[in-house]
N, C-alpha and C. Protein backbone atom coordinates (compact mmCIF):
# COMPACT_ATOMS: atom_id res chain seq x y z
N MET A 1 0.85 -1.18 0.00
CA MET A 1 0.00 0.00 0.00
C MET A 1 0.89 1.24 0.00
N ASN A 2 0.47 2.22 -0.77
CA ASN A 2 1.26 3.43 -0.86
C ASN A 2 0.44 4.64 -0.47
N THR A 3 1.12 5.75 -0.29
CA THR A 3 0.42 6.97 0.08
C THR A 3 0.15 7.80 -1.16
N ILE A 4 -0.86 8.65 -1.03
CA ILE A 4 -1.27 9.53 -2.11
C ILE A 4 -1.67 10.86 -1.50
N THR A 5 -1.49 11.92 -2.24
CA THR A 5 -1.90 13.25 -1.80
C THR A 5 -3.29 13.55 -2.34
N ILE A 6 -4.16 14.01 -1.46
CA ILE A 6 -5.52 14.40 -1.84
C ILE A 6 -5.56 15.91 -1.88
N GLN A 7 -6.12 16.46 -2.94
CA GLN A 7 -6.32 17.91 -3.05
C GLN A 7 -7.80 18.16 -3.31
N ILE A 8 -8.47 18.74 -2.32
CA ILE A 8 -9.88 19.12 -2.47
C ILE A 8 -9.89 20.60 -2.83
N ILE A 9 -10.28 20.89 -4.05
CA ILE A 9 -10.25 22.26 -4.57
C ILE A 9 -11.59 22.91 -4.26
N LYS A 10 -11.52 24.08 -3.61
CA LYS A 10 -12.73 24.81 -3.21
C LYS A 10 -12.68 26.21 -3.83
N PRO A 11 -13.06 26.33 -5.12
CA PRO A 11 -12.95 27.62 -5.80
C PRO A 11 -13.74 28.75 -5.12
N ALA A 12 -14.92 28.45 -4.62
CA ALA A 12 -15.75 29.49 -4.01
C ALA A 12 -15.09 30.08 -2.76
N LYS A 13 -14.25 29.29 -2.11
CA LYS A 13 -13.57 29.75 -0.90
C LYS A 13 -12.10 30.08 -1.19
N GLN A 14 -11.71 29.96 -2.44
CA GLN A 14 -10.35 30.24 -2.89
C GLN A 14 -9.31 29.51 -2.03
N LYS A 15 -9.52 28.19 -1.87
CA LYS A 15 -8.55 27.41 -1.12
C LYS A 15 -8.51 25.98 -1.64
N VAL A 16 -7.43 25.32 -1.29
CA VAL A 16 -7.25 23.91 -1.61
C VAL A 16 -6.89 23.20 -0.29
N VAL A 17 -7.68 22.20 0.07
CA VAL A 17 -7.40 21.40 1.26
C VAL A 17 -6.52 20.23 0.80
N THR A 18 -5.35 20.09 1.40
CA THR A 18 -4.41 19.05 0.99
C THR A 18 -4.07 18.17 2.19
N TYR A 19 -4.07 16.86 1.97
CA TYR A 19 -3.69 15.91 3.01
C TYR A 19 -3.22 14.62 2.33
N THR A 20 -2.68 13.71 3.12
CA THR A 20 -2.23 12.43 2.55
C THR A 20 -3.10 11.30 3.06
N ALA A 21 -3.13 10.23 2.28
CA ALA A 21 -3.92 9.05 2.62
C ALA A 21 -3.18 7.82 2.11
N THR A 22 -3.60 6.67 2.60
CA THR A 22 -3.06 5.39 2.15
C THR A 22 -4.00 4.77 1.14
N VAL A 23 -3.46 4.37 0.01
CA VAL A 23 -4.28 3.73 -1.03
C VAL A 23 -4.59 2.30 -0.59
N LEU A 24 -5.88 1.97 -0.55
CA LEU A 24 -6.32 0.62 -0.22
C LEU A 24 -6.68 -0.17 -1.46
N GLN A 25 -7.22 0.54 -2.45
CA GLN A 25 -7.70 -0.14 -3.65
C GLN A 25 -7.73 0.87 -4.79
N ARG A 26 -7.31 0.43 -5.97
CA ARG A 26 -7.26 1.33 -7.11
C ARG A 26 -7.69 0.58 -8.37
N THR A 27 -8.63 1.17 -9.10
CA THR A 27 -8.98 0.71 -10.43
C THR A 27 -8.78 1.90 -11.37
N LEU A 28 -9.11 1.74 -12.62
CA LEU A 28 -8.96 2.85 -13.55
C LEU A 28 -9.84 4.04 -13.19
N ASP A 29 -11.01 3.79 -12.61
CA ASP A 29 -11.94 4.89 -12.35
C ASP A 29 -12.36 5.07 -10.88
N THR A 30 -11.78 4.29 -9.97
CA THR A 30 -12.15 4.38 -8.56
C THR A 30 -10.92 4.22 -7.69
N LEU A 31 -10.85 5.06 -6.66
CA LEU A 31 -9.79 4.92 -5.66
C LEU A 31 -10.44 4.87 -4.28
N LEU A 32 -10.02 3.92 -3.48
CA LEU A 32 -10.41 3.84 -2.08
C LEU A 32 -9.15 4.09 -1.27
N VAL A 33 -9.21 5.12 -0.42
CA VAL A 33 -8.06 5.47 0.41
C VAL A 33 -8.49 5.54 1.87
N ARG A 34 -7.52 5.47 2.76
CA ARG A 34 -7.77 5.62 4.19
C ARG A 34 -6.96 6.81 4.68
N ALA A 35 -7.64 7.76 5.30
CA ALA A 35 -6.98 8.94 5.85
C ALA A 35 -7.29 9.02 7.34
N ILE A 36 -6.41 9.68 8.06
CA ILE A 36 -6.61 9.93 9.49
C ILE A 36 -6.85 11.43 9.66
N TRP A 37 -7.91 11.78 10.39
CA TRP A 37 -8.22 13.18 10.64
C TRP A 37 -7.15 13.74 11.58
N THR A 38 -6.42 14.72 11.12
CA THR A 38 -5.33 15.30 11.93
C THR A 38 -5.64 16.74 12.34
N ALA A 39 -6.71 17.29 11.84
CA ALA A 39 -7.09 18.66 12.19
C ALA A 39 -7.77 18.68 13.56
N PRO A 40 -7.96 19.86 14.12
CA PRO A 40 -8.69 19.95 15.39
C PRO A 40 -10.13 19.46 15.23
N LEU A 41 -10.78 19.23 16.36
CA LEU A 41 -12.17 18.78 16.40
C LEU A 41 -13.06 19.76 15.63
N VAL A 42 -13.93 19.20 14.80
CA VAL A 42 -14.95 19.98 14.09
C VAL A 42 -16.30 19.37 14.45
N ASP A 43 -17.14 20.15 15.13
CA ASP A 43 -18.47 19.69 15.52
C ASP A 43 -19.47 20.33 14.57
N MET A 44 -20.08 19.51 13.73
CA MET A 44 -21.02 20.02 12.73
C MET A 44 -22.46 19.95 13.22
N GLY A 45 -22.66 19.51 14.45
CA GLY A 45 -24.01 19.39 15.00
C GLY A 45 -24.57 17.99 14.82
N TYR A 46 -24.47 17.44 13.65
CA TYR A 46 -24.98 16.11 13.36
C TYR A 46 -23.87 15.06 13.39
N VAL A 47 -22.60 15.48 13.33
CA VAL A 47 -21.44 14.59 13.42
C VAL A 47 -20.23 15.42 13.81
N THR A 48 -19.28 14.77 14.47
CA THR A 48 -18.01 15.43 14.77
C THR A 48 -16.89 14.73 14.00
N PHE A 49 -15.94 15.51 13.58
CA PHE A 49 -14.69 15.01 13.02
C PHE A 49 -13.65 15.28 14.09
N ALA A 50 -13.11 14.22 14.68
CA ALA A 50 -12.20 14.35 15.82
C ALA A 50 -10.81 13.85 15.44
N PRO A 51 -9.78 14.41 16.09
CA PRO A 51 -8.43 13.92 15.82
C PRO A 51 -8.37 12.39 15.96
N GLN A 52 -7.70 11.77 15.01
CA GLN A 52 -7.50 10.32 14.92
C GLN A 52 -8.70 9.55 14.38
N ASP A 53 -9.78 10.25 13.97
CA ASP A 53 -10.85 9.56 13.26
C ASP A 53 -10.28 8.96 11.99
N HIS A 54 -10.87 7.85 11.56
CA HIS A 54 -10.45 7.17 10.33
C HIS A 54 -11.51 7.44 9.25
N LEU A 55 -11.06 7.82 8.07
CA LEU A 55 -11.96 8.06 6.96
C LEU A 55 -11.57 7.13 5.82
N TYR A 56 -12.54 6.35 5.37
CA TYR A 56 -12.36 5.50 4.19
C TYR A 56 -13.02 6.28 3.06
N GLU A 57 -12.21 6.77 2.14
CA GLU A 57 -12.67 7.74 1.16
C GLU A 57 -12.71 7.13 -0.23
N TYR A 58 -13.84 7.28 -0.88
CA TYR A 58 -14.07 6.76 -2.23
C TYR A 58 -14.06 7.92 -3.22
N PHE A 59 -13.15 7.88 -4.18
CA PHE A 59 -13.07 8.88 -5.23
C PHE A 59 -13.32 8.20 -6.57
N TYR A 60 -14.00 8.91 -7.47
CA TYR A 60 -14.39 8.34 -8.76
C TYR A 60 -14.06 9.31 -9.89
N THR A 61 -13.60 8.78 -11.02
CA THR A 61 -13.38 9.61 -12.20
C THR A 61 -14.62 9.70 -13.07
N HIS A 62 -15.64 8.91 -12.76
CA HIS A 62 -16.84 8.85 -13.59
C HIS A 62 -18.11 9.22 -12.83
N ARG A 63 -17.97 9.71 -11.62
CA ARG A 63 -19.14 10.10 -10.83
C ARG A 63 -18.92 11.51 -10.28
N TRP A 64 -20.01 12.20 -10.03
CA TRP A 64 -19.95 13.59 -9.58
C TRP A 64 -20.03 13.68 -8.05
N TYR A 65 -19.31 12.82 -7.37
CA TYR A 65 -19.26 12.86 -5.91
C TYR A 65 -18.08 12.04 -5.40
N ASN A 66 -17.78 12.25 -4.11
CA ASN A 66 -16.91 11.34 -3.36
C ASN A 66 -17.59 11.08 -2.03
N VAL A 67 -17.22 9.97 -1.41
CA VAL A 67 -17.88 9.54 -0.17
C VAL A 67 -16.82 9.23 0.88
N TYR A 68 -17.00 9.80 2.07
CA TYR A 68 -16.12 9.53 3.20
C TYR A 68 -16.89 8.70 4.22
N ASP A 69 -16.43 7.49 4.47
CA ASP A 69 -17.01 6.60 5.47
C ASP A 69 -16.23 6.86 6.76
N LEU A 70 -16.87 7.41 7.77
CA LEU A 70 -16.21 7.97 8.95
C LEU A 70 -16.33 7.08 10.19
N TYR A 71 -15.18 6.82 10.82
CA TYR A 71 -15.11 6.02 12.05
C TYR A 71 -14.28 6.75 13.09
N SER A 72 -14.66 6.60 14.35
CA SER A 72 -13.85 7.14 15.44
C SER A 72 -12.56 6.33 15.56
N ALA A 73 -11.63 6.84 16.33
CA ALA A 73 -10.36 6.14 16.55
C ALA A 73 -10.58 4.78 17.21
N THR A 74 -11.70 4.63 17.93
CA THR A 74 -11.99 3.35 18.59
C THR A 74 -12.87 2.43 17.74
N GLY A 75 -13.19 2.86 16.52
CA GLY A 75 -13.93 2.00 15.60
C GLY A 75 -15.43 2.23 15.53
N GLU A 76 -15.96 3.22 16.26
CA GLU A 76 -17.39 3.52 16.20
C GLU A 76 -17.72 4.16 14.85
N HIS A 77 -18.71 3.61 14.17
CA HIS A 77 -19.12 4.17 12.88
C HIS A 77 -19.91 5.44 13.12
N LYS A 78 -19.47 6.54 12.51
CA LYS A 78 -20.12 7.84 12.68
C LYS A 78 -21.04 8.20 11.52
N GLY A 79 -20.90 7.50 10.40
CA GLY A 79 -21.74 7.79 9.24
C GLY A 79 -20.90 8.08 8.02
N TRP A 80 -21.56 8.61 6.99
CA TRP A 80 -20.92 8.91 5.71
C TRP A 80 -21.10 10.39 5.41
N TYR A 81 -20.02 11.02 5.00
CA TYR A 81 -20.08 12.40 4.53
C TYR A 81 -19.80 12.37 3.04
N CYS A 82 -20.68 12.96 2.26
CA CYS A 82 -20.59 12.89 0.80
C CYS A 82 -20.45 14.30 0.23
N ASN A 83 -19.44 14.49 -0.59
CA ASN A 83 -19.23 15.75 -1.28
C ASN A 83 -19.71 15.61 -2.72
N ILE A 84 -20.49 16.57 -3.17
CA ILE A 84 -20.81 16.64 -4.59
C ILE A 84 -19.64 17.38 -5.24
N THR A 85 -19.03 16.74 -6.23
CA THR A 85 -17.80 17.25 -6.84
C THR A 85 -17.84 17.01 -8.35
N ARG A 86 -16.93 17.63 -9.02
CA ARG A 86 -16.69 17.22 -10.40
C ARG A 86 -16.01 15.85 -10.31
N PRO A 87 -16.06 15.04 -11.37
CA PRO A 87 -15.33 13.77 -11.33
C PRO A 87 -13.87 14.00 -10.96
N ALA A 88 -13.34 13.14 -10.11
CA ALA A 88 -11.97 13.29 -9.62
C ALA A 88 -10.97 13.05 -10.75
N VAL A 89 -9.81 13.64 -10.59
CA VAL A 89 -8.70 13.44 -11.52
C VAL A 89 -7.62 12.68 -10.78
N PHE A 90 -7.23 11.54 -11.31
CA PHE A 90 -6.21 10.71 -10.68
C PHE A 90 -4.89 10.87 -11.42
N ALA A 91 -3.84 11.06 -10.66
CA ALA A 91 -2.47 10.94 -11.16
C ALA A 91 -1.82 9.86 -10.31
N GLU A 92 -0.59 9.55 -10.59
CA GLU A 92 0.08 8.48 -9.85
C GLU A 92 0.12 8.75 -8.35
N THR A 93 0.40 10.00 -7.96
CA THR A 93 0.58 10.30 -6.54
C THR A 93 -0.39 11.36 -6.01
N VAL A 94 -1.38 11.76 -6.84
CA VAL A 94 -2.29 12.84 -6.44
C VAL A 94 -3.71 12.53 -6.92
N ILE A 95 -4.68 12.85 -6.08
CA ILE A 95 -6.09 12.87 -6.46
C ILE A 95 -6.53 14.32 -6.34
N GLN A 96 -7.17 14.85 -7.38
CA GLN A 96 -7.74 16.19 -7.31
C GLN A 96 -9.25 16.08 -7.46
N SER A 97 -9.95 16.83 -6.62
CA SER A 97 -11.40 16.79 -6.61
C SER A 97 -11.91 18.21 -6.37
N GLU A 98 -12.74 18.73 -7.30
CA GLU A 98 -13.29 20.07 -7.13
C GLU A 98 -14.66 19.99 -6.45
N ASP A 99 -14.75 20.59 -5.29
CA ASP A 99 -15.96 20.61 -4.48
C ASP A 99 -16.99 21.57 -5.09
N LEU A 100 -18.21 21.09 -5.30
CA LEU A 100 -19.28 21.94 -5.82
C LEU A 100 -20.15 22.52 -4.70
N GLU A 101 -19.74 22.34 -3.47
CA GLU A 101 -20.33 22.94 -2.26
C GLU A 101 -21.47 22.16 -1.64
N ILE A 102 -22.36 21.57 -2.42
CA ILE A 102 -23.49 20.84 -1.83
C ILE A 102 -22.99 19.48 -1.31
N ASP A 103 -23.46 19.07 -0.15
CA ASP A 103 -23.00 17.85 0.50
C ASP A 103 -24.19 17.07 1.04
N LEU A 104 -23.91 15.82 1.42
CA LEU A 104 -24.90 14.99 2.12
C LEU A 104 -24.23 14.37 3.33
N PHE A 105 -25.00 14.15 4.35
CA PHE A 105 -24.56 13.34 5.49
C PHE A 105 -25.57 12.22 5.65
N VAL A 106 -25.05 11.00 5.81
CA VAL A 106 -25.89 9.82 6.00
C VAL A 106 -25.53 9.22 7.35
N SER A 107 -26.53 9.05 8.21
CA SER A 107 -26.29 8.49 9.55
C SER A 107 -25.86 7.02 9.44
N PRO A 108 -25.21 6.49 10.49
CA PRO A 108 -24.73 5.10 10.45
C PRO A 108 -25.82 4.07 10.14
N ASP A 109 -27.06 4.34 10.57
CA ASP A 109 -28.15 3.39 10.28
C ASP A 109 -28.83 3.69 8.94
N ARG A 110 -28.35 4.71 8.25
CA ARG A 110 -28.85 5.16 6.93
C ARG A 110 -30.29 5.65 7.00
N GLN A 111 -30.82 5.92 8.18
CA GLN A 111 -32.20 6.38 8.31
C GLN A 111 -32.31 7.90 8.17
N THR A 112 -31.21 8.61 8.44
CA THR A 112 -31.20 10.06 8.32
C THR A 112 -30.25 10.46 7.21
N ILE A 113 -30.78 11.20 6.24
CA ILE A 113 -29.97 11.71 5.14
C ILE A 113 -30.20 13.22 5.09
N LEU A 114 -29.15 13.96 5.34
CA LEU A 114 -29.23 15.41 5.34
C LEU A 114 -28.56 15.97 4.08
N VAL A 115 -29.26 16.82 3.36
CA VAL A 115 -28.65 17.54 2.24
C VAL A 115 -28.18 18.87 2.81
N LEU A 116 -26.91 19.17 2.60
CA LEU A 116 -26.25 20.31 3.25
C LEU A 116 -25.76 21.33 2.23
N ASP A 117 -25.72 22.56 2.64
CA ASP A 117 -25.09 23.65 1.89
C ASP A 117 -25.71 23.89 0.52
N GLU A 118 -27.02 23.67 0.42
CA GLU A 118 -27.70 23.95 -0.85
C GLU A 118 -27.57 25.42 -1.24
N ASP A 119 -27.53 26.30 -0.24
CA ASP A 119 -27.38 27.73 -0.52
C ASP A 119 -26.02 28.04 -1.15
N GLU A 120 -24.97 27.35 -0.71
CA GLU A 120 -23.63 27.55 -1.28
C GLU A 120 -23.59 27.05 -2.72
N PHE A 121 -24.26 25.93 -2.99
CA PHE A 121 -24.36 25.40 -4.35
C PHE A 121 -25.09 26.40 -5.24
N ALA A 122 -26.21 26.93 -4.75
CA ALA A 122 -26.98 27.91 -5.53
C ALA A 122 -26.17 29.17 -5.79
N ALA A 123 -25.37 29.58 -4.81
CA ALA A 123 -24.56 30.80 -4.97
C ALA A 123 -23.52 30.66 -6.08
N ARG A 124 -23.10 29.45 -6.38
CA ARG A 124 -22.13 29.25 -7.46
C ARG A 124 -22.77 29.45 -8.84
N GLN A 125 -24.09 29.49 -8.90
CA GLN A 125 -24.86 29.76 -10.11
C GLN A 125 -24.51 28.83 -11.28
N PHE A 126 -24.35 27.56 -10.96
CA PHE A 126 -24.12 26.59 -12.02
C PHE A 126 -25.31 26.54 -12.98
N ASP A 127 -26.52 26.75 -12.45
CA ASP A 127 -27.71 26.71 -13.30
C ASP A 127 -27.64 27.74 -14.42
N VAL A 128 -26.94 28.85 -14.18
CA VAL A 128 -26.80 29.91 -15.18
C VAL A 128 -25.55 29.71 -16.02
N HIS A 129 -24.40 29.45 -15.35
CA HIS A 129 -23.10 29.43 -16.03
C HIS A 129 -22.67 28.06 -16.55
N GLU A 130 -23.12 27.00 -15.89
CA GLU A 130 -22.75 25.63 -16.29
C GLU A 130 -23.95 24.70 -16.06
N PRO A 131 -24.95 24.79 -16.92
CA PRO A 131 -26.16 23.96 -16.72
C PRO A 131 -25.86 22.46 -16.61
N ALA A 132 -24.87 21.97 -17.36
CA ALA A 132 -24.56 20.54 -17.29
C ALA A 132 -24.01 20.17 -15.91
N ALA A 133 -23.15 21.01 -15.34
CA ALA A 133 -22.62 20.76 -13.99
C ALA A 133 -23.73 20.86 -12.96
N HIS A 134 -24.65 21.80 -13.13
CA HIS A 134 -25.79 21.94 -12.22
C HIS A 134 -26.63 20.67 -12.23
N ALA A 135 -26.96 20.19 -13.42
CA ALA A 135 -27.77 18.97 -13.54
C ALA A 135 -27.03 17.76 -12.98
N ALA A 136 -25.73 17.66 -13.25
CA ALA A 136 -24.95 16.52 -12.75
C ALA A 136 -24.87 16.55 -11.22
N GLY A 137 -24.71 17.74 -10.65
CA GLY A 137 -24.68 17.86 -9.19
C GLY A 137 -25.98 17.42 -8.55
N LEU A 138 -27.10 17.86 -9.11
CA LEU A 138 -28.40 17.48 -8.57
C LEU A 138 -28.66 15.99 -8.76
N ALA A 139 -28.24 15.44 -9.90
CA ALA A 139 -28.39 14.00 -10.13
C ALA A 139 -27.55 13.20 -9.14
N ALA A 140 -26.37 13.72 -8.79
CA ALA A 140 -25.50 13.04 -7.81
C ALA A 140 -26.18 12.96 -6.45
N VAL A 141 -26.89 14.02 -6.06
CA VAL A 141 -27.62 14.00 -4.79
C VAL A 141 -28.65 12.87 -4.80
N VAL A 142 -29.38 12.76 -5.89
CA VAL A 142 -30.41 11.71 -6.02
C VAL A 142 -29.76 10.33 -5.99
N GLU A 143 -28.67 10.16 -6.73
CA GLU A 143 -27.98 8.87 -6.77
C GLU A 143 -27.47 8.47 -5.39
N LEU A 144 -26.84 9.40 -4.68
CA LEU A 144 -26.32 9.08 -3.35
C LEU A 144 -27.44 8.73 -2.37
N ARG A 145 -28.52 9.48 -2.44
CA ARG A 145 -29.67 9.18 -1.56
C ARG A 145 -30.19 7.77 -1.83
N THR A 146 -30.32 7.41 -3.10
CA THR A 146 -30.82 6.08 -3.48
C THR A 146 -29.85 4.99 -3.01
N LEU A 147 -28.55 5.17 -3.26
CA LEU A 147 -27.56 4.18 -2.81
C LEU A 147 -27.60 4.01 -1.29
N ALA A 148 -27.70 5.12 -0.57
CA ALA A 148 -27.73 5.06 0.90
C ALA A 148 -28.98 4.33 1.38
N GLN A 149 -30.13 4.67 0.82
CA GLN A 149 -31.38 4.03 1.25
C GLN A 149 -31.36 2.54 0.98
N GLN A 150 -30.68 2.12 -0.10
CA GLN A 150 -30.63 0.71 -0.47
C GLN A 150 -29.43 -0.01 0.13
N GLY A 151 -28.54 0.71 0.80
CA GLY A 151 -27.35 0.08 1.39
C GLY A 151 -26.39 -0.45 0.33
N ARG A 152 -26.31 0.23 -0.80
CA ARG A 152 -25.44 -0.20 -1.89
C ARG A 152 -24.21 0.70 -2.00
N GLY A 153 -23.22 0.23 -2.78
CA GLY A 153 -22.00 1.01 -2.98
C GLY A 153 -21.28 1.19 -1.66
N PRO A 154 -20.70 2.35 -1.42
CA PRO A 154 -19.95 2.55 -0.18
C PRO A 154 -20.82 2.51 1.07
N PHE A 155 -22.13 2.59 0.91
CA PHE A 155 -23.03 2.56 2.07
C PHE A 155 -23.31 1.14 2.55
N GLY A 156 -22.81 0.16 1.84
CA GLY A 156 -23.00 -1.23 2.24
C GLY A 156 -21.74 -1.86 2.78
N LEU A 157 -20.67 -1.07 2.85
CA LEU A 157 -19.38 -1.58 3.30
C LEU A 157 -19.01 -0.96 4.63
N ASN A 158 -18.05 -1.55 5.30
CA ASN A 158 -17.49 -0.90 6.48
C ASN A 158 -16.01 -1.24 6.57
N GLN A 159 -15.30 -0.56 7.44
CA GLN A 159 -13.85 -0.69 7.51
C GLN A 159 -13.39 -2.11 7.77
N ALA A 160 -14.19 -2.89 8.47
CA ALA A 160 -13.76 -4.25 8.81
C ALA A 160 -13.95 -5.21 7.64
N THR A 161 -14.80 -4.86 6.70
CA THR A 161 -15.12 -5.80 5.62
C THR A 161 -14.95 -5.21 4.24
N TRP A 162 -14.18 -4.12 4.11
CA TRP A 162 -14.09 -3.52 2.77
C TRP A 162 -13.60 -4.57 1.78
N ARG A 163 -14.17 -4.48 0.62
CA ARG A 163 -13.92 -5.45 -0.43
C ARG A 163 -13.95 -4.71 -1.77
N PRO A 164 -13.71 -5.39 -2.87
CA PRO A 164 -13.71 -4.67 -4.15
C PRO A 164 -14.99 -3.86 -4.35
N ILE A 165 -14.81 -2.70 -4.90
CA ILE A 165 -15.90 -1.77 -5.10
C ILE A 165 -16.77 -2.25 -6.25
N SER A 166 -18.07 -2.35 -5.99
CA SER A 166 -18.99 -2.77 -7.06
C SER A 166 -19.36 -1.58 -7.90
N ARG A 167 -19.64 -1.84 -9.14
CA ARG A 167 -20.01 -0.76 -10.06
C ARG A 167 -21.48 -0.72 -10.28
């Protein structure tokens, strides 16, 4: 297993979040990595990201999202955080992903699905400037909600049993 640099590009905030992760699985269009949360505690109200949390992160070159499967340092499943993004770009040692601002949170039991930051997505005015990106972002929200409700894709796996990613 090797390490890779993740770059989450946030044009609306004029910043790039950069961190490293361990590659667990790689195909031509999907990467599964494991990262450790090293930043200070972030309490979002519905979930906390705490130092030493483990994130199993799914990046795709053919989908308009990425999914973070979140566990505490002691192994408690905290849920899934999903970013609506442009399809990721993979290089040998770097993953780049442009955040489109709208996100989802799925509770560990998949009974609660929160759509987040819709106002930030609207502020980017994709509907006016990039109608195809706007439509793809909204379709990604629907796809993620359906996968979560059905327990498919990354919502059917956990850190103890991760296996090849189904398409």
